[in-house]
Amino acid sequence: MFLNLGFSERADAIQRSIEDRRARRYGNVHRADDNPRSLEAELERLLADQKVVQKQLQAEQSVLSACKLWLDRLPAGTQLEPVPACWRPRPHQGRER
């Protein structure tokens, strides 16, 4: 549902969906096709997704912060050059555990 978004955008989209489902589930907003059981299941799934995305977002922010700190500590006038990425997945990455 939110796979084409970055972590921050995914977190925002999930939060909006949670707010929508809560409003519909607890009676603040009504739609003719609302099913309380279905809304509760969607809400539970969204809350679980939110926890995962928040952890991923925190990890992403930590890496970004560490990179910024590393760059800030470079001596003044340091020249940086682009290099091709040489990252390769480890054998266990990309597979379910």
Protein backbone atom coordinates (compact mmCIF):
# COMPACT_ATOMS: atom_id res chain seq x y z
CA MET A 1 0.00 0.00 0.00
CA PHE A 2 2.77 2.47 0.92
CA LEU A 3 5.77 0.66 -0.60
CA ASN A 4 6.73 3.34 -3.15
CA LEU A 5 7.24 5.97 -0.46
CA GLY A 6 10.26 6.80 1.67
CA PHE A 7 10.15 5.95 5.37
CA SER A 8 9.07 9.42 6.43
CA GLU A 9 6.31 9.58 3.82
CA ARG A 10 5.22 6.03 4.70
CA ALA A 11 5.03 6.95 8.39
CA ASP A 12 2.88 10.00 7.55
CA ALA A 13 0.60 7.98 5.24
CA ILE A 14 0.15 5.24 7.84
CA GLN A 15 -0.63 7.82 10.53
CA ARG A 16 -3.31 9.40 8.31
CA SER A 17 -4.80 5.95 7.63
CA ILE A 18 -4.82 5.14 11.35
CA GLU A 19 -6.63 8.39 12.11
CA ASP A 20 -9.18 7.65 9.35
CA ARG A 21 -9.86 4.10 10.60
CA ARG A 22 -10.17 5.27 14.21
CA ALA A 23 -12.66 7.98 13.23
CA ARG A 24 -14.70 5.48 11.23
CA ARG A 25 -14.42 2.71 13.83
CA TYR A 26 -15.40 4.80 16.83
CA GLY A 27 -18.26 6.68 15.19
CA ASN A 28 -16.87 10.12 14.37
CA VAL A 29 -17.15 9.45 10.63
CA HIS A 30 -19.58 7.06 8.96
CA ARG A 31 -19.52 5.45 5.53
CA ALA A 32 -22.25 3.19 4.23
CA ASP A 33 -19.83 0.32 3.55
CA ASP A 34 -18.07 0.40 6.94
CA ASN A 35 -17.82 -2.92 8.75
CA PRO A 36 -16.65 -2.62 12.39
CA ARG A 37 -14.77 -5.94 12.30
CA SER A 38 -13.03 -5.03 9.07
CA LEU A 39 -12.13 -1.58 10.40
CA GLU A 40 -10.73 -3.11 13.59
CA ALA A 41 -8.60 -5.55 11.57
CA GLU A 42 -7.34 -2.75 9.33
CA LEU A 43 -6.54 -0.62 12.35
CA GLU A 44 -4.57 -3.43 14.00
CA ARG A 45 -2.62 -4.06 10.78
CA LEU A 46 -1.86 -0.35 10.38
CA LEU A 47 -0.66 -0.07 13.99
CA ALA A 48 1.68 -3.03 13.44
CA ASP A 49 2.94 -1.46 10.19
CA GLN A 50 3.47 1.82 12.00
CA LYS A 51 5.77 0.17 14.57
CA VAL A 52 7.89 -1.37 11.81
CA VAL A 53 8.13 1.85 9.82
CA GLN A 54 9.00 3.87 12.93
CA LYS A 55 11.90 1.51 13.69
CA GLN A 56 13.10 1.75 10.09
CA LEU A 57 12.77 5.53 10.18
CA GLN A 58 14.78 5.73 13.40
CA ALA A 59 17.51 3.58 11.85
CA GLU A 60 17.54 5.74 8.72
CA GLN A 61 17.74 8.92 10.81
CA SER A 62 20.57 7.45 12.87
CA VAL A 63 22.60 6.64 9.74
CA LEU A 64 21.93 10.10 8.32
CA SER A 65 22.98 11.72 11.58
CA ALA A 66 26.20 9.66 11.70
CA CYS A 67 27.01 10.61 8.10
CA LYS A 68 26.44 14.30 8.78
CA LEU A 69 28.64 14.11 11.88
CA TRP A 70 31.39 12.38 9.87
CA LEU A 71 31.20 15.07 7.19
CA ASP A 72 31.24 17.86 9.79
CA ARG A 73 34.42 16.43 11.32
CA LEU A 74 36.36 16.46 8.04
CA PRO A 75 39.11 19.09 7.90
CA ALA A 76 38.16 22.36 6.21
CA GLY A 77 38.80 22.29 2.49
CA THR A 78 38.58 18.51 2.19
CA GLN A 79 37.70 17.54 -1.37
CA LEU A 80 35.18 14.75 -1.78
CA GLU A 81 34.85 12.74 -4.96
CA PRO A 82 31.97 10.57 -6.11
CA VAL A 83 32.78 6.88 -6.35
CA PRO A 84 30.72 4.02 -7.72
CA ALA A 85 28.82 2.03 -5.13
CA CYS A 86 30.34 -1.38 -4.51
CA TRP A 87 27.79 -2.70 -2.04
CA ARG A 88 26.72 -6.27 -2.56
CA PRO A 89 24.07 -8.02 -0.50
CA ARG A 90 25.23 -10.55 2.02
CA PRO A 91 24.03 -14.08 1.35
CA HIS A 92 21.28 -13.88 4.01
CA GLN A 93 19.90 -10.50 2.87
CA GLY A 94 16.74 -10.53 0.87
CA ARG A 95 15.59 -13.89 2.19
CA GLU A 96 13.07 -14.57 4.89
CA ARG A 97 14.52 -15.83 8.13
